[in-house]
Amino acid sequence: MGELQGGRDRGETRATRRWESATFWPLTVAALAFLVAYTFQVIGDLQGPAEAATAAIVVGTWALFVADYLVRLALSHPRGVWFRAHLFDVAMVLVPTLRPVRLLGALTRLTSFTHSAASSLRARLLIYGAGAALLLIWSASLLVLEAERHAPGANITRFGDAVWWAFCTVTTVGYGDYTPVTVPGRITAVFLMVGGVVLVGLVVASFSSWVAERATRGHEEQRAATKGDVDELVRELQDGVRRPDPKP
């Protein structure tokens, strides 16, 4: 019941949930196809038929994500609530390099979490944090290489240089041996810097949570109850009230 209420609060319906369940893996494969095609297109600096083939894959996956978004919007109710609760989906449609983020969701589905709720949440955060960092570095390397490769005065002209620059930028080290000279390259650098700060905060928070759990081990009575713990206790109490007493 609580899950359905949460879905209504986000504008989700049974139809949108069925659609998302049916299209999750196809769209995940499409996201992977986009990443592979775009990687070959940029690193290989493709021309002619090869460029047309990779461009067709990139455009085709974009069309799939647009169609998925429009279908889910049509099935939602109320649509305004759903739209506001799924702004990141709009970003995935408008910004192609965000589509591979779906691969992280697939990874968490394939991984089983059998520990406590806190451990499970921390594991998911680490997967998303590490995966997002790698995807951010890889995507930024491709974007800056595509923008800089043929620009006058550019020194980021090889993929290895782009990856080195991305690692230095995302970690806020900034050696300065490689710098973008084009406007698209510098915009990519800004987003990479912001993403690096967010990811560092995520890693620190996950590590702090792990330290706190280790420090309180053996003192479970002092552990704060989660919403899941409270809901489970309420269900047990309700079942006890509803269950009739056995006849003597």
C-alpha atoms as a PDB file:
ATOM      1  CA  MET A   1       0.000   0.000   0.000  1.00  0.00           C
ATOM      2  CA  GLY A   2       2.804   2.409   0.905  1.00  0.00           C
ATOM      3  CA  GLU A   3       4.547   1.627  -2.382  1.00  0.00           C
ATOM      4  CA  LEU A   4       1.400   2.421  -4.354  1.00  0.00           C
ATOM      5  CA  GLN A   5       0.952   5.667  -2.420  1.00  0.00           C
ATOM      6  CA  GLY A   6       4.562   6.598  -3.210  1.00  0.00           C
ATOM      7  CA  GLY A   7       3.886   5.920  -6.880  1.00  0.00           C
ATOM      8  CA  ARG A   8       0.798   8.148  -6.849  1.00  0.00           C
ATOM      9  CA  ASP A   9       2.829  10.912  -5.232  1.00  0.00           C
ATOM     10  CA  ARG A  10       5.163  10.720  -8.256  1.00  0.00           C
ATOM     11  CA  GLY A  11       2.350  10.516 -10.812  1.00  0.00           C
ATOM     12  CA  GLU A  12       3.066   6.849 -11.554  1.00  0.00           C
ATOM     13  CA  THR A  13       0.277   4.403 -12.418  1.00  0.00           C
ATOM     14  CA  ARG A  14       0.082   0.648 -12.846  1.00  0.00           C
ATOM     15  CA  ALA A  15       0.416   1.202 -16.588  1.00  0.00           C
ATOM     16  CA  THR A  16       3.649   3.192 -16.225  1.00  0.00           C
ATOM     17  CA  ARG A  17       5.084   0.552 -13.905  1.00  0.00           C
ATOM     18  CA  ARG A  18       4.263  -2.239 -16.363  1.00  0.00           C
ATOM     19  CA  TRP A  19       5.792  -0.220 -19.206  1.00  0.00           C
ATOM     20  CA  GLU A  20       8.967   0.495 -17.233  1.00  0.00           C
ATOM     21  CA  SER A  21       9.302  -3.171 -16.300  1.00  0.00           C
ATOM     22  CA  ALA A  22       8.891  -4.272 -19.925  1.00  0.00           C
ATOM     23  CA  THR A  23      11.310  -1.701 -21.375  1.00  0.00           C
ATOM     24  CA  PHE A  24      14.020  -1.631 -18.701  1.00  0.00           C
ATOM     25  CA  TRP A  25      16.401  -4.123 -20.307  1.00  0.00           C
ATOM     26  CA  PRO A  26      15.788  -3.082 -23.940  1.00  0.00           C
ATOM     27  CA  LEU A  27      16.581   0.528 -23.032  1.00  0.00           C
ATOM     28  CA  THR A  28      19.628  -0.619 -21.062  1.00  0.00           C
ATOM     29  CA  VAL A  29      20.917  -2.408 -24.165  1.00  0.00           C
ATOM     30  CA  ALA A  30      20.176   0.742 -26.182  1.00  0.00           C
ATOM     31  CA  ALA A  31      22.195   2.830 -23.712  1.00  0.00           C
ATOM     32  CA  LEU A  32      25.129   0.422 -24.047  1.00  0.00           C
ATOM     33  CA  ALA A  33      24.837   0.513 -27.856  1.00  0.00           C
ATOM     34  CA  PHE A  34      24.906   4.316 -27.753  1.00  0.00           C
ATOM     35  CA  LEU A  35      28.030   4.359 -25.597  1.00  0.00           C
ATOM     36  CA  VAL A  36      29.878   1.864 -27.824  1.00  0.00           C
ATOM     37  CA  ALA A  37      28.860   3.592 -31.061  1.00  0.00           C
ATOM     38  CA  TYR A  38      29.762   7.057 -29.796  1.00  0.00           C
ATOM     39  CA  THR A  39      33.111   5.773 -28.498  1.00  0.00           C
ATOM     40  CA  PHE A  40      34.027   4.286 -31.881  1.00  0.00           C
ATOM     41  CA  GLN A  41      32.832   7.405 -33.653  1.00  0.00           C
ATOM     42  CA  VAL A  42      34.994   9.787 -31.619  1.00  0.00           C
ATOM     43  CA  ILE A  43      38.140   7.723 -31.015  1.00  0.00           C
ATOM     44  CA  GLY A  44      38.266   6.465 -34.599  1.00  0.00           C
ATOM     45  CA  ASP A  45      37.428   9.906 -36.023  1.00  0.00           C
ATOM     46  CA  LEU A  46      35.272   7.960 -38.480  1.00  0.00           C
ATOM     47  CA  GLN A  47      34.400   9.169 -41.942  1.00  0.00           C
ATOM     48  CA  GLY A  48      32.130   7.929 -44.708  1.00  0.00           C
ATOM     49  CA  PRO A  49      29.995   4.782 -44.251  1.00  0.00           C
ATOM     50  CA  ALA A  50      31.463   3.970 -40.832  1.00  0.00           C
ATOM     51  CA  GLU A  51      30.492   7.395 -39.529  1.00  0.00           C
ATOM     52  CA  ALA A  52      27.010   7.016 -41.017  1.00  0.00           C
ATOM     53  CA  ALA A  53      26.565   3.637 -39.290  1.00  0.00           C
ATOM     54  CA  THR A  54      27.562   4.906 -35.848  1.00  0.00           C
ATOM     55  CA  ALA A  55      25.485   8.063 -36.338  1.00  0.00           C
ATOM     56  CA  ALA A  56      22.466   5.897 -37.164  1.00  0.00           C
ATOM     57  CA  ILE A  57      22.905   3.988 -33.895  1.00  0.00           C
ATOM     58  CA  VAL A  58      23.249   7.219 -31.927  1.00  0.00           C
ATOM     59  CA  VAL A  59      20.122   8.729 -33.514  1.00  0.00           C
ATOM     60  CA  GLY A  60      18.213   5.451 -33.203  1.00  0.00           C
ATOM     61  CA  THR A  61      18.875   5.153 -29.469  1.00  0.00           C
ATOM     62  CA  TRP A  62      17.877   8.791 -29.022  1.00  0.00           C
ATOM     63  CA  ALA A  63      14.569   8.042 -30.763  1.00  0.00           C
ATOM     64  CA  LEU A  64      13.979   5.084 -28.436  1.00  0.00           C
ATOM     65  CA  PHE A  65      14.522   7.220 -25.333  1.00  0.00           C
ATOM     66  CA  VAL A  66      12.231   9.949 -26.680  1.00  0.00           C
ATOM     67  CA  ALA A  67       9.495   7.391 -27.433  1.00  0.00           C
ATOM     68  CA  ASP A  68       9.882   5.817 -23.980  1.00  0.00           C
ATOM     69  CA  TYR A  69       9.578   9.206 -22.283  1.00  0.00           C
ATOM     70  CA  LEU A  70       6.477  10.180 -24.273  1.00  0.00           C
ATOM     71  CA  VAL A  71       4.746   6.860 -23.602  1.00  0.00           C
ATOM     72  CA  ARG A  72       5.400   7.048 -19.848  1.00  0.00           C
ATOM     73  CA  LEU A  73       4.197  10.652 -19.797  1.00  0.00           C
ATOM     74  CA  ALA A  74       1.000   9.641 -21.600  1.00  0.00           C
ATOM     75  CA  LEU A  75       0.372   6.766 -19.165  1.00  0.00           C
ATOM     76  CA  SER A  76       1.038   8.843 -16.031  1.00  0.00           C
ATOM     77  CA  HIS A  77      -1.569  10.598 -13.900  1.00  0.00           C
ATOM     78  CA  PRO A  78      -1.494  13.406 -13.060  1.00  0.00           C
ATOM     79  CA  ARG A  79       1.019  14.236 -15.763  1.00  0.00           C
ATOM     80  CA  GLY A  80       2.249  17.444 -14.191  1.00  0.00           C
ATOM     81  CA  VAL A  81       3.258  15.594 -11.023  1.00  0.00           C
ATOM     82  CA  TRP A  82       4.988  12.881 -13.048  1.00  0.00           C
ATOM     83  CA  PHE A  83       6.840  15.477 -15.124  1.00  0.00           C
ATOM     84  CA  ARG A  84       8.176  17.277 -12.051  1.00  0.00           C
ATOM     85  CA  ALA A  85       9.207  13.993 -10.416  1.00  0.00           C
ATOM     86  CA  HIS A  86      11.102  12.781 -13.505  1.00  0.00           C
ATOM     87  CA  LEU A  87      13.149  15.790 -14.559  1.00  0.00           C
ATOM     88  CA  PHE A  88      16.264  13.622 -14.828  1.00  0.00           C
ATOM     89  CA  ASP A  89      14.481  11.635 -17.559  1.00  0.00           C
ATOM     90  CA  VAL A  90      14.099  14.880 -19.499  1.00  0.00           C
ATOM     91  CA  ALA A  91      17.827  15.463 -19.100  1.00  0.00           C
ATOM     92  CA  MET A  92      18.552  11.948 -20.414  1.00  0.00           C
ATOM     93  CA  VAL A  93      16.533  12.729 -23.535  1.00  0.00           C
ATOM     94  CA  LEU A  94      18.126  16.146 -24.085  1.00  0.00           C
ATOM     95  CA  VAL A  95      21.718  15.211 -23.130  1.00  0.00           C
ATOM     96  CA  PRO A  96      22.775  12.016 -24.928  1.00  0.00           C
ATOM     97  CA  THR A  97      25.823  11.381 -22.737  1.00  0.00           C
ATOM     98  CA  LEU A  98      23.544  10.822 -19.715  1.00  0.00           C
ATOM     99  CA  ARG A  99      21.910   7.737 -21.237  1.00  0.00           C
ATOM    100  CA  PRO A 100      24.656   5.299 -20.131  1.00  0.00           C
ATOM    101  CA  VAL A 101      23.623   6.075 -16.526  1.00  0.00           C
ATOM    102  CA  ARG A 102      20.971   3.386 -17.064  1.00  0.00           C
ATOM    103  CA  LEU A 103      23.804   0.847 -17.024  1.00  0.00           C
ATOM    104  CA  LEU A 104      24.366   1.611 -13.331  1.00  0.00           C
ATOM    105  CA  GLY A 105      20.738   0.796 -12.548  1.00  0.00           C
ATOM    106  CA  ALA A 106      21.132  -2.515 -14.366  1.00  0.00           C
ATOM    107  CA  LEU A 107      24.254  -3.287 -12.348  1.00  0.00           C
ATOM    108  CA  THR A 108      22.444  -2.767  -9.046  1.00  0.00           C
ATOM    109  CA  ARG A 109      19.669  -5.089 -10.241  1.00  0.00           C
ATOM    110  CA  LEU A 110      22.131  -7.819 -11.112  1.00  0.00           C
ATOM    111  CA  THR A 111      23.880  -7.503  -7.745  1.00  0.00           C
ATOM    112  CA  SER A 112      22.174  -9.108  -4.755  1.00  0.00           C
ATOM    113  CA  PHE A 113      22.235  -7.261  -1.438  1.00  0.00           C
ATOM    114  CA  THR A 114      21.624  -9.537   1.533  1.00  0.00           C
ATOM    115  CA  HIS A 115      22.935  -7.427   4.385  1.00  0.00           C
ATOM    116  CA  SER A 116      21.204  -4.814   6.472  1.00  0.00           C
ATOM    117  CA  ALA A 117      19.302  -1.931   4.943  1.00  0.00           C
ATOM    118  CA  ALA A 118      22.198   0.418   5.691  1.00  0.00           C
ATOM    119  CA  SER A 119      24.739  -1.924   4.085  1.00  0.00           C
ATOM    120  CA  SER A 120      22.516  -2.388   1.041  1.00  0.00           C
ATOM    121  CA  LEU A 121      22.074   1.352   0.613  1.00  0.00           C
ATOM    122  CA  ARG A 122      25.790   1.960   1.034  1.00  0.00           C
ATOM    123  CA  ALA A 123      26.620  -0.733  -1.528  1.00  0.00           C
ATOM    124  CA  ARG A 124      24.258   0.853  -4.033  1.00  0.00           C
ATOM    125  CA  LEU A 125      25.752   4.278  -3.381  1.00  0.00           C
ATOM    126  CA  LEU A 126      29.243   2.918  -3.959  1.00  0.00           C
ATOM    127  CA  ILE A 127      28.169   1.261  -7.209  1.00  0.00           C
ATOM    128  CA  TYR A 128      26.528   4.444  -8.408  1.00  0.00           C
ATOM    129  CA  GLY A 129      29.438   6.562  -7.193  1.00  0.00           C
ATOM    130  CA  ALA A 130      32.220   4.495  -8.758  1.00  0.00           C
ATOM    131  CA  GLY A 131      30.213   3.801 -11.907  1.00  0.00           C
ATOM    132  CA  ALA A 132      29.185   7.430 -12.306  1.00  0.00           C
ATOM    133  CA  ALA A 133      32.806   8.536 -11.875  1.00  0.00           C
ATOM    134  CA  LEU A 134      34.010   6.184 -14.613  1.00  0.00           C
ATOM    135  CA  LEU A 135      31.159   7.129 -16.938  1.00  0.00           C
ATOM    136  CA  LEU A 136      31.754  10.815 -16.241  1.00  0.00           C
ATOM    137  CA  ILE A 137      35.454  10.542 -17.034  1.00  0.00           C
ATOM    138  CA  TRP A 138      34.860   8.438 -20.141  1.00  0.00           C
ATOM    139  CA  SER A 139      32.083  10.685 -21.514  1.00  0.00           C
ATOM    140  CA  ALA A 140      33.994  13.885 -20.771  1.00  0.00           C
ATOM    141  CA  SER A 141      37.079  12.462 -22.491  1.00  0.00           C
ATOM    142  CA  LEU A 142      35.059  11.722 -25.616  1.00  0.00           C
ATOM    143  CA  LEU A 143      33.331  15.106 -25.583  1.00  0.00           C
ATOM    144  CA  VAL A 144      36.502  17.125 -25.115  1.00  0.00           C
ATOM    145  CA  LEU A 145      38.381  15.099 -27.719  1.00  0.00           C
ATOM    146  CA  GLU A 146      35.592  15.612 -30.242  1.00  0.00           C
ATOM    147  CA  ALA A 147      35.592  19.366 -29.534  1.00  0.00           C
ATOM    148  CA  GLU A 148      39.359  19.888 -29.389  1.00  0.00           C
ATOM    149  CA  ARG A 149      40.887  17.462 -31.879  1.00  0.00           C
ATOM    150  CA  HIS A 150      40.805  19.734 -34.932  1.00  0.00           C
ATOM    151  CA  ALA A 151      40.745  23.123 -33.178  1.00  0.00           C
ATOM    152  CA  PRO A 152      43.634  25.556 -33.837  1.00  0.00           C
ATOM    153  CA  GLY A 153      46.089  25.647 -30.938  1.00  0.00           C
ATOM    154  CA  ALA A 154      44.539  22.635 -29.163  1.00  0.00           C
ATOM    155  CA  ASN A 155      46.794  20.226 -27.255  1.00  0.00           C
ATOM    156  CA  ILE A 156      44.142  17.580 -26.492  1.00  0.00           C
ATOM    157  CA  THR A 157      44.320  15.713 -29.780  1.00  0.00           C
ATOM    158  CA  ARG A 158      44.555  12.059 -28.665  1.00  0.00           C
ATOM    159  CA  PHE A 159      42.236   9.968 -26.545  1.00  0.00           C
ATOM    160  CA  GLY A 160      44.974   9.205 -24.016  1.00  0.00           C
ATOM    161  CA  ASP A 161      45.526  12.924 -23.499  1.00  0.00           C
ATOM    162  CA  ALA A 162      41.771  13.432 -23.073  1.00  0.00           C
ATOM    163  CA  VAL A 163      41.532  10.691 -20.428  1.00  0.00           C
ATOM    164  CA  TRP A 164      44.516  12.116 -18.518  1.00  0.00           C
ATOM    165  CA  TRP A 165      42.967  15.586 -18.620  1.00  0.00           C
ATOM    166  CA  ALA A 166      39.609  14.219 -17.423  1.00  0.00           C
ATOM    167  CA  PHE A 167      41.195  12.401 -14.452  1.00  0.00           C
ATOM    168  CA  CYS A 168      43.141  15.523 -13.446  1.00  0.00           C
ATOM    169  CA  THR A 169      40.033  17.695 -13.732  1.00  0.00           C
ATOM    170  CA  VAL A 170      37.550  15.418 -11.945  1.00  0.00           C
ATOM    171  CA  THR A 171      39.916  15.019  -8.997  1.00  0.00           C
ATOM    172  CA  THR A 172      40.450  18.816  -8.927  1.00  0.00           C
ATOM    173  CA  VAL A 173      44.213  18.301  -9.290  1.00  0.00           C
ATOM    174  CA  GLY A 174      44.508  20.372 -12.446  1.00  0.00           C
ATOM    175  CA  TYR A 175      48.155  20.013 -13.499  1.00  0.00           C
ATOM    176  CA  GLY A 176      47.537  22.359 -16.412  1.00  0.00           C
ATOM    177  CA  ASP A 177      49.554  20.369 -18.954  1.00  0.00           C
ATOM    178  CA  TYR A 178      46.399  19.906 -21.026  1.00  0.00           C
ATOM    179  CA  THR A 179      43.692  22.552 -21.267  1.00  0.00           C
ATOM    180  CA  PRO A 180      40.683  22.946 -23.574  1.00  0.00           C
ATOM    181  CA  VAL A 181      40.693  25.948 -25.900  1.00  0.00           C
ATOM    182  CA  THR A 182      37.213  25.652 -27.427  1.00  0.00           C
ATOM    183  CA  VAL A 183      33.938  26.756 -25.863  1.00  0.00           C
ATOM    184  CA  PRO A 184      32.406  23.229 -25.902  1.00  0.00           C
ATOM    185  CA  GLY A 185      35.596  21.861 -24.351  1.00  0.00           C
ATOM    186  CA  ARG A 186      35.528  24.413 -21.537  1.00  0.00           C
ATOM    187  CA  ILE A 187      31.823  23.793 -20.878  1.00  0.00           C
ATOM    188  CA  THR A 188      32.653  20.099 -20.574  1.00  0.00           C
ATOM    189  CA  ALA A 189      35.398  21.005 -18.100  1.00  0.00           C
ATOM    190  CA  VAL A 190      32.953  22.968 -15.935  1.00  0.00           C
ATOM    191  CA  PHE A 191      30.516  20.061 -15.721  1.00  0.00           C
ATOM    192  CA  LEU A 192      33.393  17.696 -15.008  1.00  0.00           C
ATOM    193  CA  MET A 193      34.595  19.879 -12.109  1.00  0.00           C
ATOM    194  CA  VAL A 194      31.104  20.046 -10.598  1.00  0.00           C
ATOM    195  CA  GLY A 195      30.653  16.304 -11.029  1.00  0.00           C
ATOM    196  CA  GLY A 196      33.995  15.652  -9.356  1.00  0.00           C
ATOM    197  CA  VAL A 197      33.012  17.643  -6.274  1.00  0.00           C
ATOM    198  CA  VAL A 198      29.688  15.766  -6.007  1.00  0.00           C
ATOM    199  CA  LEU A 199      31.334  12.361  -6.402  1.00  0.00           C
ATOM    200  CA  VAL A 200      33.981  13.111  -3.791  1.00  0.00           C
ATOM    201  CA  GLY A 201      31.212  14.044  -1.353  1.00  0.00           C
ATOM    202  CA  LEU A 202      29.402  10.787  -2.133  1.00  0.00           C
ATOM    203  CA  VAL A 203      32.511   8.703  -1.485  1.00  0.00           C
ATOM    204  CA  VAL A 204      33.201  10.505   1.786  1.00  0.00           C
ATOM    205  CA  ALA A 205      29.589  10.017   2.929  1.00  0.00           C
ATOM    206  CA  SER A 206      29.665   6.288   2.104  1.00  0.00           C
ATOM    207  CA  PHE A 207      32.973   5.827   3.904  1.00  0.00           C
ATOM    208  CA  SER A 208      31.671   7.711   6.948  1.00  0.00           C
ATOM    209  CA  SER A 209      28.588   5.480   7.011  1.00  0.00           C
ATOM    210  CA  TRP A 210      30.781   2.364   6.910  1.00  0.00           C
ATOM    211  CA  VAL A 211      32.940   3.656   9.774  1.00  0.00           C
ATOM    212  CA  ALA A 212      29.828   4.477  11.835  1.00  0.00           C
ATOM    213  CA  GLU A 213      28.396   0.987  11.301  1.00  0.00           C
ATOM    214  CA  ARG A 214      31.692  -0.644  12.303  1.00  0.00           C
ATOM    215  CA  ALA A 215      31.926   1.539  15.386  1.00  0.00           C
ATOM    216  CA  THR A 216      28.408   0.636  16.570  1.00  0.00           C
ATOM    217  CA  ARG A 217      28.738  -3.098  15.892  1.00  0.00           C
ATOM    218  CA  GLY A 218      27.887  -4.975  19.091  1.00  0.00           C
ATOM    219  CA  HIS A 219      25.670  -2.108  20.251  1.00  0.00           C
ATOM    220  CA  GLU A 220      22.573  -2.861  18.157  1.00  0.00           C
ATOM    221  CA  GLU A 221      20.282  -1.492  20.837  1.00  0.00           C
ATOM    222  CA  GLN A 222      21.715   1.951  20.083  1.00  0.00           C
ATOM    223  CA  ARG A 223      21.182   1.651  16.341  1.00  0.00           C
ATOM    224  CA  ALA A 224      18.584   4.052  14.947  1.00  0.00           C
ATOM    225  CA  ALA A 225      15.502   2.354  13.523  1.00  0.00           C
ATOM    226  CA  THR A 226      14.869   2.792   9.813  1.00  0.00           C
ATOM    227  CA  LYS A 227      11.463   3.382   8.224  1.00  0.00           C
ATOM    228  CA  GLY A 228      11.562  -0.228   7.052  1.00  0.00           C
ATOM    229  CA  ASP A 229      12.039  -1.416  10.638  1.00  0.00           C
ATOM    230  CA  VAL A 230       9.087   0.672  11.818  1.00  0.00           C
ATOM    231  CA  ASP A 231       6.849  -0.516   8.957  1.00  0.00           C
ATOM    232  CA  GLU A 232       7.702  -4.140   9.692  1.00  0.00           C
ATOM    233  CA  LEU A 233       6.887  -3.663  13.389  1.00  0.00           C
ATOM    234  CA  VAL A 234       3.548  -2.032  12.512  1.00  0.00           C
ATOM    235  CA  ARG A 235       2.669  -4.932  10.214  1.00  0.00           C
ATOM    236  CA  GLU A 236       3.468  -7.443  12.951  1.00  0.00           C
ATOM    237  CA  LEU A 237       1.290  -5.553  15.439  1.00  0.00           C
ATOM    238  CA  GLN A 238      -1.582  -5.352  12.959  1.00  0.00           C
ATOM    239  CA  ASP A 239      -1.321  -9.072  12.193  1.00  0.00           C
ATOM    240  CA  GLY A 240      -1.390  -9.796  15.944  1.00  0.00           C
ATOM    241  CA  VAL A 241      -4.534  -7.705  16.392  1.00  0.00           C
ATOM    242  CA  ARG A 242      -6.319  -9.316  13.437  1.00  0.00           C
ATOM    243  CA  ARG A 243      -5.384 -12.891  14.316  1.00  0.00           C
ATOM    244  CA  PRO A 244      -8.094 -14.418  16.563  1.00  0.00           C
ATOM    245  CA  ASP A 245      -7.072 -16.020  19.801  1.00  0.00           C
ATOM    246  CA  PRO A 246      -6.964 -19.831  19.653  1.00  0.00           C
ATOM    247  CA  LYS A 247      -9.868 -21.565  21.366  1.00  0.00           C
ATOM    248  CA  PRO A 248      -8.990 -23.168  24.708  1.00  0.00           C
END
